[in-house]
């Protein structure tokens, strides 16, 4: 099992749009082959900072998703609205 943690900071005027976009794509991401769940968290102190936590069967399934039209289309919408470069980690439970 692979856990993917992504930190994203958005321009303040994009926050509401991002939340709506995520609501629309979350079920599609969760249904992607090899994904067991995906959730969105918002920083308690910085309202423009979000984290996604997704659980994948393995690295290969995550890479399949990252090469998918769903990922490319979603990323194309959010990337221009970053206030800082996104950070991502792939984590294993030891």
PDB file of N, CA and C in Angstrom:
ATOM      1  N   UNK A   1       0.855  -1.178   0.000  1.00  0.00           N
ATOM      2  CA  UNK A   1       0.000   0.000   0.000  1.00  0.00           C
ATOM      3  C   UNK A   1       0.897   1.235   0.000  1.00  0.00           C
ATOM      4  N   UNK A   2       0.551   2.187  -0.841  1.00  0.00           N
ATOM      5  CA  UNK A   2       1.289   3.436  -0.974  1.00  0.00           C
ATOM      6  C   UNK A   2       0.355   4.590  -0.619  1.00  0.00           C
ATOM      7  N   UNK A   3       0.814   5.479   0.240  1.00  0.00           N
ATOM      8  CA  UNK A   3       0.047   6.672   0.585  1.00  0.00           C
ATOM      9  C   UNK A   3       0.716   7.857  -0.098  1.00  0.00           C
ATOM     10  N   UNK A   4      -0.082   8.640  -0.803  1.00  0.00           N
ATOM     11  CA  UNK A   4       0.418   9.827  -1.504  1.00  0.00           C
ATOM     12  C   UNK A   4      -0.125  11.067  -0.804  1.00  0.00           C
ATOM     13  N   UNK A   5       0.773  11.924  -0.367  1.00  0.00           N
ATOM     14  CA  UNK A   5       0.425  13.170   0.296  1.00  0.00           C
ATOM     15  C   UNK A   5       0.874  14.318  -0.596  1.00  0.00           C
ATOM     16  N   UNK A   6      -0.056  15.202  -0.939  1.00  0.00           N
ATOM     17  CA  UNK A   6       0.263  16.347  -1.799  1.00  0.00           C
ATOM     18  C   UNK A   6      -0.181  17.619  -1.086  1.00  0.00           C
ATOM     19  N   UNK A   7       0.740  18.560  -0.975  1.00  0.00           N
ATOM     20  CA  UNK A   7       0.450  19.871  -0.373  1.00  0.00           C
ATOM     21  C   UNK A   7       0.332  20.891  -1.492  1.00  0.00           C
ATOM     22  N   UNK A   8      -0.764  21.654  -1.473  1.00  0.00           N
ATOM     23  CA  UNK A   8      -0.999  22.671  -2.496  1.00  0.00           C
ATOM     24  C   UNK A   8      -1.417  23.970  -1.835  1.00  0.00           C
ATOM     25  N   UNK A   9      -0.816  25.059  -2.254  1.00  0.00           N
ATOM     26  CA  UNK A   9      -1.190  26.394  -1.790  1.00  0.00           C
ATOM     27  C   UNK A   9      -1.709  27.163  -2.999  1.00  0.00           C
ATOM     28  N   UNK A  10      -2.920  27.705  -2.855  1.00  0.00           N
ATOM     29  CA  UNK A  10      -3.562  28.385  -3.974  1.00  0.00           C
ATOM     30  C   UNK A  10      -3.669  29.883  -3.743  1.00  0.00           C
ATOM     31  N   UNK A  11      -3.810  30.609  -4.842  1.00  0.00           N
ATOM     32  CA  UNK A  11      -4.177  32.015  -4.746  1.00  0.00           C
ATOM     33  C   UNK A  11      -5.529  32.063  -4.053  1.00  0.00           C
ATOM     34  N   UNK A  12      -5.714  33.035  -3.171  1.00  0.00           N
ATOM     35  CA  UNK A  12      -6.921  33.106  -2.345  1.00  0.00           C
ATOM     36  C   UNK A  12      -8.205  33.132  -3.166  1.00  0.00           C
ATOM     37  N   UNK A  13      -8.180  33.772  -4.312  1.00  0.00           N
ATOM     38  CA  UNK A  13      -9.400  33.880  -5.120  1.00  0.00           C
ATOM     39  C   UNK A  13      -9.769  32.583  -5.834  1.00  0.00           C
ATOM     40  N   UNK A  14      -8.933  31.548  -5.734  1.00  0.00           N
ATOM     41  CA  UNK A  14      -9.201  30.262  -6.386  1.00  0.00           C
ATOM     42  C   UNK A  14      -9.696  29.194  -5.404  1.00  0.00           C
ATOM     43  N   UNK A  15      -9.659  29.475  -4.120  1.00  0.00           N
ATOM     44  CA  UNK A  15      -9.961  28.466  -3.101  1.00  0.00           C
ATOM     45  C   UNK A  15     -11.350  27.851  -3.286  1.00  0.00           C
ATOM     46  N   UNK A  16     -12.375  28.660  -3.418  1.00  0.00           N
ATOM     47  CA  UNK A  16     -13.743  28.129  -3.550  1.00  0.00           C
ATOM     48  C   UNK A  16     -13.879  27.300  -4.827  1.00  0.00           C
ATOM     49  N   UNK A  17     -13.293  27.770  -5.912  1.00  0.00           N
ATOM     50  CA  UNK A  17     -13.356  27.018  -7.176  1.00  0.00           C
ATOM     51  C   UNK A  17     -12.630  25.679  -7.046  1.00  0.00           C
ATOM     52  N   UNK A  18     -11.480  25.686  -6.374  1.00  0.00           N
ATOM     53  CA  UNK A  18     -10.755  24.436  -6.177  1.00  0.00           C
ATOM     54  C   UNK A  18     -11.597  23.440  -5.386  1.00  0.00           C
ATOM     55  N   UNK A  19     -12.231  23.900  -4.325  1.00  0.00           N
ATOM     56  CA  UNK A  19     -13.043  23.004  -3.504  1.00  0.00           C
ATOM     57  C   UNK A  19     -14.185  22.404  -4.325  1.00  0.00           C
ATOM     58  N   UNK A  20     -14.818  23.192  -5.157  1.00  0.00           N
ATOM     59  CA  UNK A  20     -15.893  22.689  -6.019  1.00  0.00           C
ATOM     60  C   UNK A  20     -15.346  21.686  -7.039  1.00  0.00           C
ATOM     61  N   UNK A  21     -14.202  22.013  -7.630  1.00  0.00           N
ATOM     62  CA  UNK A  21     -13.577  21.095  -8.595  1.00  0.00           C
ATOM     63  C   UNK A  21     -13.239  19.762  -7.938  1.00  0.00           C
ATOM     64  N   UNK A  22     -12.702  19.835  -6.719  1.00  0.00           N
ATOM     65  CA  UNK A  22     -12.323  18.598  -6.044  1.00  0.00           C
ATOM     66  C   UNK A  22     -13.543  17.734  -5.756  1.00  0.00           C
ATOM     67  N   UNK A  23     -14.633  18.359  -5.333  1.00  0.00           N
ATOM     68  CA  UNK A  23     -15.864  17.597  -5.084  1.00  0.00           C
ATOM     69  C   UNK A  23     -16.298  16.825  -6.326  1.00  0.00           C
ATOM     70  N   UNK A  24     -16.102  17.428  -7.492  1.00  0.00           N
ATOM     71  CA  UNK A  24     -16.512  16.792  -8.739  1.00  0.00           C
ATOM     72  C   UNK A  24     -15.585  15.638  -9.139  1.00  0.00           C
ATOM     73  N   UNK A  25     -14.284  15.789  -8.913  1.00  0.00           N
ATOM     74  CA  UNK A  25     -13.341  14.758  -9.373  1.00  0.00           C
ATOM     75  C   UNK A  25     -13.010  13.715  -8.317  1.00  0.00           C
ATOM     76  N   UNK A  26     -13.281  14.000  -7.054  1.00  0.00           N
ATOM     77  CA  UNK A  26     -12.926  13.055  -5.994  1.00  0.00           C
ATOM     78  C   UNK A  26     -13.499  11.655  -6.235  1.00  0.00           C
ATOM     79  N   UNK A  27     -14.773  11.512  -6.598  1.00  0.00           N
ATOM     80  CA  UNK A  27     -15.286  10.157  -6.833  1.00  0.00           C
ATOM     81  C   UNK A  27     -14.597   9.456  -8.012  1.00  0.00           C
ATOM     82  N   UNK A  28     -14.206  10.224  -9.007  1.00  0.00           N
ATOM     83  CA  UNK A  28     -13.515   9.636 -10.162  1.00  0.00           C
ATOM     84  C   UNK A  28     -12.111   9.159  -9.781  1.00  0.00           C
ATOM     85  N   UNK A  29     -11.420   9.953  -8.971  1.00  0.00           N
ATOM     86  CA  UNK A  29     -10.091   9.541  -8.511  1.00  0.00           C
ATOM     87  C   UNK A  29     -10.215   8.298  -7.634  1.00  0.00           C
ATOM     88  N   UNK A  30     -11.159   8.309  -6.700  1.00  0.00           N
ATOM     89  CA  UNK A  30     -11.345   7.176  -5.796  1.00  0.00           C
ATOM     90  C   UNK A  30     -11.711   5.901  -6.545  1.00  0.00           C
ATOM     91  N   UNK A  31     -12.359   6.046  -7.702  1.00  0.00           N
ATOM     92  CA  UNK A  31     -12.757   4.881  -8.497  1.00  0.00           C
ATOM     93  C   UNK A  31     -11.658   4.423  -9.456  1.00  0.00           C
ATOM     94  N   UNK A  32     -10.568   5.177  -9.525  1.00  0.00           N
ATOM     95  CA  UNK A  32      -9.493   4.822 -10.445  1.00  0.00           C
ATOM     96  C   UNK A  32      -8.875   3.494 -10.010  1.00  0.00           C
ATOM     97  N   UNK A  33      -8.546   2.665 -10.965  1.00  0.00           N
ATOM     98  CA  UNK A  33      -7.982   1.345 -10.660  1.00  0.00           C
ATOM     99  C   UNK A  33      -6.742   1.484  -9.770  1.00  0.00           C
ATOM    100  N   UNK A  34      -6.766   0.785  -8.644  1.00  0.00           N
ATOM    101  CA  UNK A  34      -5.644   0.790  -7.716  1.00  0.00           C
ATOM    102  C   UNK A  34      -5.756   1.808  -6.604  1.00  0.00           C
ATOM    103  N   UNK A  35      -6.750   2.692  -6.662  1.00  0.00           N
ATOM    104  CA  UNK A  35      -6.945   3.700  -5.611  1.00  0.00           C
ATOM    105  C   UNK A  35      -8.013   3.200  -4.644  1.00  0.00           C
ATOM    106  N   UNK A  36      -7.686   3.186  -3.358  1.00  0.00           N
ATOM    107  CA  UNK A  36      -8.683   2.739  -2.378  1.00  0.00           C
ATOM    108  C   UNK A  36      -9.388   3.909  -1.705  1.00  0.00           C
ATOM    109  N   UNK A  37      -8.766   5.089  -1.708  1.00  0.00           N
ATOM    110  CA  UNK A  37      -9.431   6.270  -1.155  1.00  0.00           C
ATOM    111  C   UNK A  37      -8.636   7.527  -1.476  1.00  0.00           C
ATOM    112  N   UNK A  38      -9.344   8.654  -1.431  1.00  0.00           N
ATOM    113  CA  UNK A  38      -8.703   9.959  -1.585  1.00  0.00           C
ATOM    114  C   UNK A  38      -9.508  10.965  -0.782  1.00  0.00           C
ATOM    115  N   UNK A  39      -8.819  11.823  -0.057  1.00  0.00           N
ATOM    116  CA  UNK A  39      -9.519  12.832   0.723  1.00  0.00           C
ATOM    117  C   UNK A  39      -8.779  14.159   0.637  1.00  0.00           C
ATOM    118  N   UNK A  40      -9.517  15.217   0.914  1.00  0.00           N
ATOM    119  CA  UNK A  40      -8.990  16.572   0.896  1.00  0.00           C
ATOM    120  C   UNK A  40      -9.029  17.137   2.307  1.00  0.00           C
ATOM    121  N   UNK A  41      -7.929  17.744   2.725  1.00  0.00           N
ATOM    122  CA  UNK A  41      -7.841  18.413   4.022  1.00  0.00           C
ATOM    123  C   UNK A  41      -7.414  19.857   3.798  1.00  0.00           C
ATOM    124  N   UNK A  42      -7.937  20.758   4.627  1.00  0.00           N
ATOM    125  CA  UNK A  42      -7.590  22.170   4.544  1.00  0.00           C
ATOM    126  C   UNK A  42      -6.845  22.563   5.815  1.00  0.00           C
ATOM    127  N   UNK A  43      -5.762  23.309   5.655  1.00  0.00           N
ATOM    128  CA  UNK A  43      -4.980  23.756   6.793  1.00  0.00           C
ATOM    129  C   UNK A  43      -5.851  24.617   7.721  1.00  0.00           C
ATOM    130  N   UNK A  44      -5.725  24.414   9.004  1.00  0.00           N
ATOM    131  CA  UNK A  44      -6.556  25.143   9.968  1.00  0.00           C
ATOM    132  C   UNK A  44      -6.134  26.603  10.136  1.00  0.00           C
ATOM    133  N   UNK A  45      -4.915  26.927   9.758  1.00  0.00           N
ATOM    134  CA  UNK A  45      -4.409  28.289   9.931  1.00  0.00           C
ATOM    135  C   UNK A  45      -4.317  29.067   8.609  1.00  0.00           C
ATOM    136  N   UNK A  46      -4.099  28.357   7.514  1.00  0.00           N
ATOM    137  CA  UNK A  46      -3.955  29.003   6.199  1.00  0.00           C
ATOM    138  C   UNK A  46      -5.027  28.430   5.273  1.00  0.00           C
ATOM    139  N   UNK A  47      -6.088  29.181   5.073  1.00  0.00           N
ATOM    140  CA  UNK A  47      -7.248  28.696   4.323  1.00  0.00           C
ATOM    141  C   UNK A  47      -6.948  28.397   2.858  1.00  0.00           C
ATOM    142  N   UNK A  48      -5.833  28.872   2.341  1.00  0.00           N
ATOM    143  CA  UNK A  48      -5.486  28.612   0.948  1.00  0.00           C
ATOM    144  C   UNK A  48      -4.560  27.397   0.786  1.00  0.00           C
ATOM    145  N   UNK A  49      -4.298  26.692   1.882  1.00  0.00           N
ATOM    146  CA  UNK A  49      -3.410  25.531   1.844  1.00  0.00           C
ATOM    147  C   UNK A  49      -4.220  24.257   2.041  1.00  0.00           C
ATOM    148  N   UNK A  50      -4.025  23.320   1.102  1.00  0.00           N
ATOM    149  CA  UNK A  50      -4.760  22.058   1.109  1.00  0.00           C
ATOM    150  C   UNK A  50      -3.791  20.897   0.990  1.00  0.00           C
ATOM    151  N   UNK A  51      -4.255  19.757   1.460  1.00  0.00           N
ATOM    152  CA  UNK A  51      -3.514  18.507   1.321  1.00  0.00           C
ATOM    153  C   UNK A  51      -4.465  17.464   0.759  1.00  0.00           C
ATOM    154  N   UNK A  52      -3.982  16.683  -0.175  1.00  0.00           N
ATOM    155  CA  UNK A  52      -4.729  15.494  -0.569  1.00  0.00           C
ATOM    156  C   UNK A  52      -3.964  14.287  -0.047  1.00  0.00           C
ATOM    157  N   UNK A  53      -4.723  13.330   0.435  1.00  0.00           N
ATOM    158  CA  UNK A  53      -4.160  12.067   0.884  1.00  0.00           C
ATOM    159  C   UNK A  53      -4.869  10.982   0.101  1.00  0.00           C
ATOM    160  N   UNK A  54      -4.095  10.226  -0.660  1.00  0.00           N
ATOM    161  CA  UNK A  54      -4.684   9.135  -1.439  1.00  0.00           C
ATOM    162  C   UNK A  54      -3.922   7.851  -1.145  1.00  0.00           C
ATOM    163  N   UNK A  55      -4.641   6.754  -1.246  1.00  0.00           N
ATOM    164  CA  UNK A  55      -4.073   5.434  -0.960  1.00  0.00           C
ATOM    165  C   UNK A  55      -4.134   4.598  -2.230  1.00  0.00           C
ATOM    166  N   UNK A  56      -2.989   4.057  -2.598  1.00  0.00           N
ATOM    167  CA  UNK A  56      -2.844   3.314  -3.856  1.00  0.00           C
ATOM    168  C   UNK A  56      -2.322   1.919  -3.589  1.00  0.00           C
ATOM    169  N   UNK A  57      -2.735   1.005  -4.441  1.00  0.00           N
ATOM    170  CA  UNK A  57      -2.286  -0.381  -4.304  1.00  0.00           C
ATOM    171  C   UNK A  57      -0.756  -0.435  -4.380  1.00  0.00           C
ATOM    172  N   UNK A  58      -0.177   0.331  -5.305  1.00  0.00           N
ATOM    173  CA  UNK A  58       1.274   0.373  -5.461  1.00  0.00           C
ATOM    174  C   UNK A  58       1.654   1.555  -6.347  1.00  0.00           C
ATOM    175  N   UNK A  59       2.944   1.762  -6.514  1.00  0.00           N
ATOM    176  CA  UNK A  59       3.475   2.877  -7.312  1.00  0.00           C
ATOM    177  C   UNK A  59       3.008   2.821  -8.760  1.00  0.00           C
ATOM    178  N   UNK A  60       2.885   1.630  -9.309  1.00  0.00           N
ATOM    179  CA  UNK A  60       2.461   1.490 -10.712  1.00  0.00           C
ATOM    180  C   UNK A  60       1.052   2.036 -10.930  1.00  0.00           C
ATOM    181  N   UNK A  61       0.148   1.775 -10.000  1.00  0.00           N
ATOM    182  CA  UNK A  61      -1.213   2.300 -10.128  1.00  0.00           C
ATOM    183  C   UNK A  61      -1.237   3.825 -10.002  1.00  0.00           C
ATOM    184  N   UNK A  62      -0.434   4.368  -9.091  1.00  0.00           N
ATOM    185  CA  UNK A  62      -0.336   5.819  -8.968  1.00  0.00           C
ATOM    186  C   UNK A  62       0.178   6.418 -10.275  1.00  0.00           C
ATOM    187  N   UNK A  63       1.181   5.806 -10.853  1.00  0.00           N
ATOM    188  CA  UNK A  63       1.734   6.316 -12.120  1.00  0.00           C
ATOM    189  C   UNK A  63       0.720   6.218 -13.251  1.00  0.00           C
ATOM    190  N   UNK A  64      -0.077   5.160 -13.279  1.00  0.00           N
ATOM    191  CA  UNK A  64      -1.144   5.051 -14.286  1.00  0.00           C
ATOM    192  C   UNK A  64      -2.108   6.227 -14.154  1.00  0.00           C
ATOM    193  N   UNK A  65      -2.465   6.566 -12.926  1.00  0.00           N
ATOM    194  CA  UNK A  65      -3.345   7.703 -12.685  1.00  0.00           C
ATOM    195  C   UNK A  65      -2.674   9.004 -13.143  1.00  0.00           C
ATOM    196  N   UNK A  66      -1.412   9.183 -12.811  1.00  0.00           N
ATOM    197  CA  UNK A  66      -0.710  10.423 -13.156  1.00  0.00           C
ATOM    198  C   UNK A  66      -0.556  10.596 -14.666  1.00  0.00           C
ATOM    199  N   UNK A  67      -0.642   9.510 -15.414  1.00  0.00           N
ATOM    200  CA  UNK A  67      -0.581   9.581 -16.882  1.00  0.00           C
ATOM    201  C   UNK A  67      -1.968   9.650 -17.520  1.00  0.00           C
ATOM    202  N   UNK A  68      -3.012   9.616 -16.718  1.00  0.00           N
ATOM    203  CA  UNK A  68      -4.378   9.551 -17.227  1.00  0.00           C
ATOM    204  C   UNK A  68      -4.899  10.927 -17.665  1.00  0.00           C
ATOM    205  N   UNK A  69      -5.877  10.937 -18.580  1.00  0.00           N
ATOM    206  CA  UNK A  69      -6.528  12.203 -18.948  1.00  0.00           C
ATOM    207  C   UNK A  69      -7.158  12.903 -17.741  1.00  0.00           C
ATOM    208  N   UNK A  70      -7.716  12.138 -16.799  1.00  0.00           N
ATOM    209  CA  UNK A  70      -8.320  12.732 -15.605  1.00  0.00           C
ATOM    210  C   UNK A  70      -7.302  13.577 -14.849  1.00  0.00           C
ATOM    211  N   UNK A  71      -6.124  13.024 -14.596  1.00  0.00           N
ATOM    212  CA  UNK A  71      -5.089  13.778 -13.887  1.00  0.00           C
ATOM    213  C   UNK A  71      -4.641  14.981 -14.697  1.00  0.00           C
ATOM    214  N   UNK A  72      -4.352  14.785 -15.973  1.00  0.00           N
ATOM    215  CA  UNK A  72      -3.859  15.892 -16.810  1.00  0.00           C
ATOM    216  C   UNK A  72      -4.858  17.037 -16.874  1.00  0.00           C
ATOM    217  N   UNK A  73      -6.141  16.717 -17.025  1.00  0.00           N
ATOM    218  CA  UNK A  73      -7.180  17.762 -17.090  1.00  0.00           C
ATOM    219  C   UNK A  73      -7.325  18.483 -15.751  1.00  0.00           C
ATOM    220  N   UNK A  74      -7.314  17.728 -14.668  1.00  0.00           N
ATOM    221  CA  UNK A  74      -7.452  18.322 -13.338  1.00  0.00           C
ATOM    222  C   UNK A  74      -6.255  19.208 -13.022  1.00  0.00           C
ATOM    223  N   UNK A  75      -5.059  18.705 -13.289  1.00  0.00           N
ATOM    224  CA  UNK A  75      -3.834  19.444 -13.000  1.00  0.00           C
ATOM    225  C   UNK A  75      -3.771  20.724 -13.839  1.00  0.00           C
ATOM    226  N   UNK A  76      -4.228  20.656 -15.080  1.00  0.00           N
ATOM    227  CA  UNK A  76      -4.227  21.845 -15.953  1.00  0.00           C
ATOM    228  C   UNK A  76      -5.109  22.958 -15.390  1.00  0.00           C
ATOM    229  N   UNK A  77      -6.160  22.595 -14.672  1.00  0.00           N
ATOM    230  CA  UNK A  77      -7.050  23.598 -14.065  1.00  0.00           C
ATOM    231  C   UNK A  77      -6.447  24.222 -12.815  1.00  0.00           C
ATOM    232  N   UNK A  78      -5.776  23.421 -12.004  1.00  0.00           N
ATOM    233  CA  UNK A  78      -5.307  23.931 -10.715  1.00  0.00           C
ATOM    234  C   UNK A  78      -3.906  24.539 -10.769  1.00  0.00           C
ATOM    235  N   UNK A  79      -3.029  23.999 -11.574  1.00  0.00           N
ATOM    236  CA  UNK A  79      -1.628  24.433 -11.572  1.00  0.00           C
ATOM    237  C   UNK A  79      -1.448  25.937 -11.791  1.00  0.00           C
ATOM    238  N   UNK A  80      -2.172  26.578 -12.714  1.00  0.00           N
ATOM    239  CA  UNK A  80      -1.981  28.023 -12.904  1.00  0.00           C
ATOM    240  C   UNK A  80      -2.387  28.858 -11.691  1.00  0.00           C
ATOM    241  N   UNK A  81      -3.068  28.257 -10.741  1.00  0.00           N
ATOM    242  CA  UNK A  81      -3.574  28.983  -9.575  1.00  0.00           C
ATOM    243  C   UNK A  81      -2.771  28.739  -8.300  1.00  0.00           C
ATOM    244  N   UNK A  82      -1.623  28.086  -8.434  1.00  0.00           N
ATOM    245  CA  UNK A  82      -0.780  27.842  -7.262  1.00  0.00           C
ATOM    246  C   UNK A  82      -0.137  29.143  -6.785  1.00  0.00           C
ATOM    247  N   UNK A  83      -0.132  29.345  -5.477  1.00  0.00           N
ATOM    248  CA  UNK A  83       0.583  30.463  -4.873  1.00  0.00           C
ATOM    249  C   UNK A  83       2.025  30.062  -4.563  1.00  0.00           C
ATOM    250  N   UNK A  84       2.276  28.750  -4.521  1.00  0.00           N
ATOM    251  CA  UNK A  84       3.607  28.185  -4.296  1.00  0.00           C
ATOM    252  C   UNK A  84       3.647  26.831  -4.995  1.00  0.00           C
ATOM    253  N   UNK A  85       4.837  26.369  -5.275  1.00  0.00           N
ATOM    254  CA  UNK A  85       4.996  25.079  -5.933  1.00  0.00           C
ATOM    255  C   UNK A  85       4.411  23.962  -5.064  1.00  0.00           C
ATOM    256  N   UNK A  86       3.664  23.063  -5.691  1.00  0.00           N
ATOM    257  CA  UNK A  86       3.106  21.918  -4.963  1.00  0.00           C
ATOM    258  C   UNK A  86       4.232  21.013  -4.479  1.00  0.00           C
ATOM    259  N   UNK A  87       3.985  20.371  -3.346  1.00  0.00           N
ATOM    260  CA  UNK A  87       4.929  19.412  -2.793  1.00  0.00           C
ATOM    261  C   UNK A  87       4.224  18.080  -2.664  1.00  0.00           C
ATOM    262  N   UNK A  88       4.949  16.987  -2.918  1.00  0.00           N
ATOM    263  CA  UNK A  88       4.305  15.669  -2.861  1.00  0.00           C
ATOM    264  C   UNK A  88       5.277  14.641  -2.281  1.00  0.00           C
ATOM    265  N   UNK A  89       4.691  13.700  -1.543  1.00  0.00           N
ATOM    266  CA  UNK A  89       5.459  12.613  -0.952  1.00  0.00           C
ATOM    267  C   UNK A  89       4.706  11.312  -1.187  1.00  0.00           C
ATOM    268  N   UNK A  90       5.447  10.259  -1.478  1.00  0.00           N
ATOM    269  CA  UNK A  90       4.904   8.897  -1.537  1.00  0.00           C
ATOM    270  C   UNK A  90       5.426   8.178  -0.305  1.00  0.00           C
ATOM    271  N   UNK A  91       4.510   7.647   0.501  1.00  0.00           N
ATOM    272  CA  UNK A  91       4.862   7.101   1.807  1.00  0.00           C
ATOM    273  C   UNK A  91       4.452   5.650   1.949  1.00  0.00           C
ATOM    274  N   UNK A  92       5.278   4.890   2.627  1.00  0.00           N
ATOM    275  CA  UNK A  92       4.985   3.496   2.943  1.00  0.00           C
ATOM    276  C   UNK A  92       4.884   3.340   4.448  1.00  0.00           C
ATOM    277  N   UNK A  93       4.061   2.432   4.905  1.00  0.00           N
ATOM    278  CA  UNK A  93       4.018   2.113   6.330  1.00  0.00           C
ATOM    279  C   UNK A  93       5.114   1.098   6.593  1.00  0.00           C
ATOM    280  N   UNK A  94       6.065   1.418   7.475  1.00  0.00           N
ATOM    281  CA  UNK A  94       7.180   0.491   7.721  1.00  0.00           C
ATOM    282  C   UNK A  94       6.741  -0.753   8.467  1.00  0.00           C
TER     283      UNK A  94
END
